[in-house]
Amino acid sequence: MKKIEAIIKPFKLDDVREALSDIGITGMTVSEVRGFGRQKGHTELYRGAEYMVDFLPKVKVEIIISEDLLDSCIDVIRETAYTGKIGDGKIFVYDVARVIRIRTGEENDEAL
C-alpha cells in the first residue's frame, strides 16, 4: 500500500477530487495548509502599504491506495492540478506498512 500526499492550489481541489473519483478513488483526507517553495511568497497592498506574504494558502490531499493504483493516481493528480504556473505543488509517495479500520477490525486492502 502507498500513501500519496499532494500539495495543490486550493481552486484545483474540486477538479482533482472529481478526477480521482472517476478512476475509483473513494476516500481522501483534505487539509488547508500554508507554505512556500521556490515561489517565495508574494507582495500585497493593504491600505497603501506593501507587505510580503511568505506563506501561501495550499491544500494537502492525502490518499492511501493499493500499489496497483499508484501510477494512475499520480497521473490524474498531475494532469488535473497542472496550471503551468509556479506554485502548482508537489506529490509525495510513501510506503504504508499497515491499515486498520477501527469499526470492523479489517486490515490492509480490506480496510481501504
C-alpha atoms as a PDB file:
ATOM      1  CA  MET A   1       0.000   0.000   0.000  1.00  0.00           C
ATOM      2  CA  LYS A   2       1.051   3.577  -0.660  1.00  0.00           C
ATOM      3  CA  LYS A   3       0.229   6.977   0.739  1.00  0.00           C
ATOM      4  CA  ILE A   4       0.075   9.910  -1.633  1.00  0.00           C
ATOM      5  CA  GLU A   5       0.314  13.452  -0.300  1.00  0.00           C
ATOM      6  CA  ALA A   6      -0.364  16.109  -2.896  1.00  0.00           C
ATOM      7  CA  ILE A   7       0.077  19.795  -2.159  1.00  0.00           C
ATOM      8  CA  ILE A   8      -2.015  21.701  -4.703  1.00  0.00           C
ATOM      9  CA  LYS A   9      -3.590  25.097  -5.322  1.00  0.00           C
ATOM     10  CA  PRO A  10      -6.919  25.425  -3.478  1.00  0.00           C
ATOM     11  CA  PHE A  11      -9.000  26.200  -6.570  1.00  0.00           C
ATOM     12  CA  LYS A  12      -7.902  22.880  -8.131  1.00  0.00           C
ATOM     13  CA  LEU A  13      -9.293  20.732  -5.295  1.00  0.00           C
ATOM     14  CA  ASP A  14     -12.738  20.022  -6.776  1.00  0.00           C
ATOM     15  CA  ASP A  15     -11.248  19.102 -10.154  1.00  0.00           C
ATOM     16  CA  VAL A  16      -8.736  16.735  -8.534  1.00  0.00           C
ATOM     17  CA  ARG A  17     -11.404  15.144  -6.321  1.00  0.00           C
ATOM     18  CA  GLU A  18     -13.722  14.520  -9.281  1.00  0.00           C
ATOM     19  CA  ALA A  19     -10.918  13.109 -11.445  1.00  0.00           C
ATOM     20  CA  LEU A  20      -9.793  10.746  -8.668  1.00  0.00           C
ATOM     21  CA  SER A  21     -13.391   9.642  -8.142  1.00  0.00           C
ATOM     22  CA  ASP A  22     -13.618   8.828 -11.869  1.00  0.00           C
ATOM     23  CA  ILE A  23     -10.753   6.306 -11.516  1.00  0.00           C
ATOM     24  CA  GLY A  24     -12.229   4.693  -8.402  1.00  0.00           C
ATOM     25  CA  ILE A  25     -10.557   6.556  -5.537  1.00  0.00           C
ATOM     26  CA  THR A  26     -13.324   6.720  -2.944  1.00  0.00           C
ATOM     27  CA  GLY A  27     -11.682   8.287   0.089  1.00  0.00           C
ATOM     28  CA  MET A  28      -9.238  11.042   0.887  1.00  0.00           C
ATOM     29  CA  THR A  29      -8.330  13.477   3.618  1.00  0.00           C
ATOM     30  CA  VAL A  30      -8.018  17.164   2.774  1.00  0.00           C
ATOM     31  CA  SER A  31      -6.323  19.822   4.898  1.00  0.00           C
ATOM     32  CA  GLU A  32      -5.903  23.531   4.364  1.00  0.00           C
ATOM     33  CA  VAL A  33      -2.203  24.289   4.711  1.00  0.00           C
ATOM     34  CA  ARG A  34       0.129  27.206   4.102  1.00  0.00           C
ATOM     35  CA  GLY A  35       3.638  27.145   2.730  1.00  0.00           C
ATOM     36  CA  PHE A  36       6.110  28.225   0.101  1.00  0.00           C
ATOM     37  CA  GLY A  37       8.802  26.732  -2.074  1.00  0.00           C
ATOM     38  CA  ARG A  38      10.640  28.313  -4.963  1.00  0.00           C
ATOM     39  CA  GLN A  39       7.739  30.711  -5.281  1.00  0.00           C
ATOM     40  CA  LYS A  40       8.901  32.510  -2.099  1.00  0.00           C
ATOM     41  CA  GLY A  41       5.512  34.110  -1.436  1.00  0.00           C
ATOM     42  CA  HIS A  42       4.307  37.362  -2.957  1.00  0.00           C
ATOM     43  CA  THR A  43       3.695  41.016  -2.102  1.00  0.00           C
ATOM     44  CA  GLU A  44       0.276  42.531  -1.390  1.00  0.00           C
ATOM     45  CA  LEU A  45      -1.033  46.025  -0.825  1.00  0.00           C
ATOM     46  CA  TYR A  46      -3.021  46.857   2.305  1.00  0.00           C
ATOM     47  CA  ARG A  47      -4.147  50.439   2.962  1.00  0.00           C
ATOM     48  CA  GLY A  48      -1.474  51.741   0.656  1.00  0.00           C
ATOM     49  CA  ALA A  49       1.373  49.810   2.285  1.00  0.00           C
ATOM     50  CA  GLU A  50       3.103  46.955   0.521  1.00  0.00           C
ATOM     51  CA  TYR A  51       3.952  43.875   2.578  1.00  0.00           C
ATOM     52  CA  MET A  52       5.327  40.407   1.934  1.00  0.00           C
ATOM     53  CA  VAL A  53       3.138  37.319   2.283  1.00  0.00           C
ATOM     54  CA  ASP A  54       5.574  34.445   2.870  1.00  0.00           C
ATOM     55  CA  PHE A  55       3.195  31.530   3.334  1.00  0.00           C
ATOM     56  CA  LEU A  56       0.674  30.958   0.564  1.00  0.00           C
ATOM     57  CA  PRO A  57      -2.579  29.038   1.008  1.00  0.00           C
ATOM     58  CA  LYS A  58      -2.452  25.484  -0.360  1.00  0.00           C
ATOM     59  CA  VAL A  59      -4.451  22.285   0.042  1.00  0.00           C
ATOM     60  CA  LYS A  60      -2.953  18.954   1.108  1.00  0.00           C
ATOM     61  CA  VAL A  61      -4.730  15.872  -0.235  1.00  0.00           C
ATOM     62  CA  GLU A  62      -3.850  12.563   1.452  1.00  0.00           C
ATOM     63  CA  ILE A  63      -4.818   9.239  -0.110  1.00  0.00           C
ATOM     64  CA  ILE A  64      -3.993   5.657   0.888  1.00  0.00           C
ATOM     65  CA  ILE A  65      -4.232   3.276  -2.072  1.00  0.00           C
ATOM     66  CA  SER A  66      -3.201  -0.182  -3.168  1.00  0.00           C
ATOM     67  CA  GLU A  67       0.018  -0.192  -5.158  1.00  0.00           C
ATOM     68  CA  ASP A  68      -1.695  -1.117  -8.444  1.00  0.00           C
ATOM     69  CA  LEU A  69      -3.483   2.271  -8.493  1.00  0.00           C
ATOM     70  CA  LEU A  70      -0.361   4.316  -7.766  1.00  0.00           C
ATOM     71  CA  ASP A  71       0.690   5.354 -11.273  1.00  0.00           C
ATOM     72  CA  SER A  72      -2.819   6.175 -12.478  1.00  0.00           C
ATOM     73  CA  CYS A  73      -3.495   8.176  -9.315  1.00  0.00           C
ATOM     74  CA  ILE A  74      -0.290  10.203  -9.738  1.00  0.00           C
ATOM     75  CA  ASP A  75      -1.050  10.815 -13.417  1.00  0.00           C
ATOM     76  CA  VAL A  76      -4.558  12.066 -12.616  1.00  0.00           C
ATOM     77  CA  ILE A  77      -3.302  14.455  -9.925  1.00  0.00           C
ATOM     78  CA  ARG A  78      -0.520  15.774 -12.168  1.00  0.00           C
ATOM     79  CA  GLU A  79      -2.822  16.374 -15.115  1.00  0.00           C
ATOM     80  CA  THR A  80      -5.692  17.857 -13.102  1.00  0.00           C
ATOM     81  CA  ALA A  81      -3.707  20.116 -10.744  1.00  0.00           C
ATOM     82  CA  TYR A  82      -1.478  21.467 -13.530  1.00  0.00           C
ATOM     83  CA  THR A  83      -1.746  25.170 -14.410  1.00  0.00           C
ATOM     84  CA  GLY A  84       1.735  25.653 -15.829  1.00  0.00           C
ATOM     85  CA  LYS A  85       2.484  28.432 -13.380  1.00  0.00           C
ATOM     86  CA  ILE A  86       4.854  28.470 -10.434  1.00  0.00           C
ATOM     87  CA  GLY A  87       3.297  27.058  -7.251  1.00  0.00           C
ATOM     88  CA  ASP A  88       1.376  24.173  -8.859  1.00  0.00           C
ATOM     89  CA  GLY A  89       2.544  21.987  -5.963  1.00  0.00           C
ATOM     90  CA  LYS A  90       4.191  18.656  -5.302  1.00  0.00           C
ATOM     91  CA  ILE A  91       3.291  14.984  -4.914  1.00  0.00           C
ATOM     92  CA  PHE A  92       4.937  12.808  -2.261  1.00  0.00           C
ATOM     93  CA  VAL A  93       4.654   8.999  -2.155  1.00  0.00           C
ATOM     94  CA  TYR A  94       5.226   6.914   0.994  1.00  0.00           C
ATOM     95  CA  ASP A  95       5.085   3.230   1.867  1.00  0.00           C
ATOM     96  CA  VAL A  96       2.296   2.242   4.263  1.00  0.00           C
ATOM     97  CA  ALA A  97       3.032  -0.766   6.482  1.00  0.00           C
ATOM     98  CA  ARG A  98      -0.447  -1.399   7.876  1.00  0.00           C
ATOM     99  CA  VAL A  99      -4.004  -0.041   7.755  1.00  0.00           C
ATOM    100  CA  ILE A 100      -6.735  -0.964  10.246  1.00  0.00           C
ATOM    101  CA  ARG A 101     -10.398   0.043  10.016  1.00  0.00           C
ATOM    102  CA  ILE A 102     -11.387   0.864  13.592  1.00  0.00           C
ATOM    103  CA  ARG A 103     -15.076  -0.047  13.274  1.00  0.00           C
ATOM    104  CA  THR A 104     -14.642  -3.564  11.828  1.00  0.00           C
ATOM    105  CA  GLY A 105     -11.041  -4.501  12.535  1.00  0.00           C
ATOM    106  CA  GLU A 106     -10.422  -5.124   8.815  1.00  0.00           C
ATOM    107  CA  GLU A 107      -6.810  -4.688   7.812  1.00  0.00           C
ATOM    108  CA  ASN A 108      -4.769  -3.557   4.817  1.00  0.00           C
ATOM    109  CA  ASP A 109      -6.525  -3.730   1.408  1.00  0.00           C
ATOM    110  CA  GLU A 110      -9.836  -4.776   3.017  1.00  0.00           C
ATOM    111  CA  ALA A 111      -9.682  -1.671   5.214  1.00  0.00           C
ATOM    112  CA  LEU A 112      -9.325   0.635   2.234  1.00  0.00           C
END
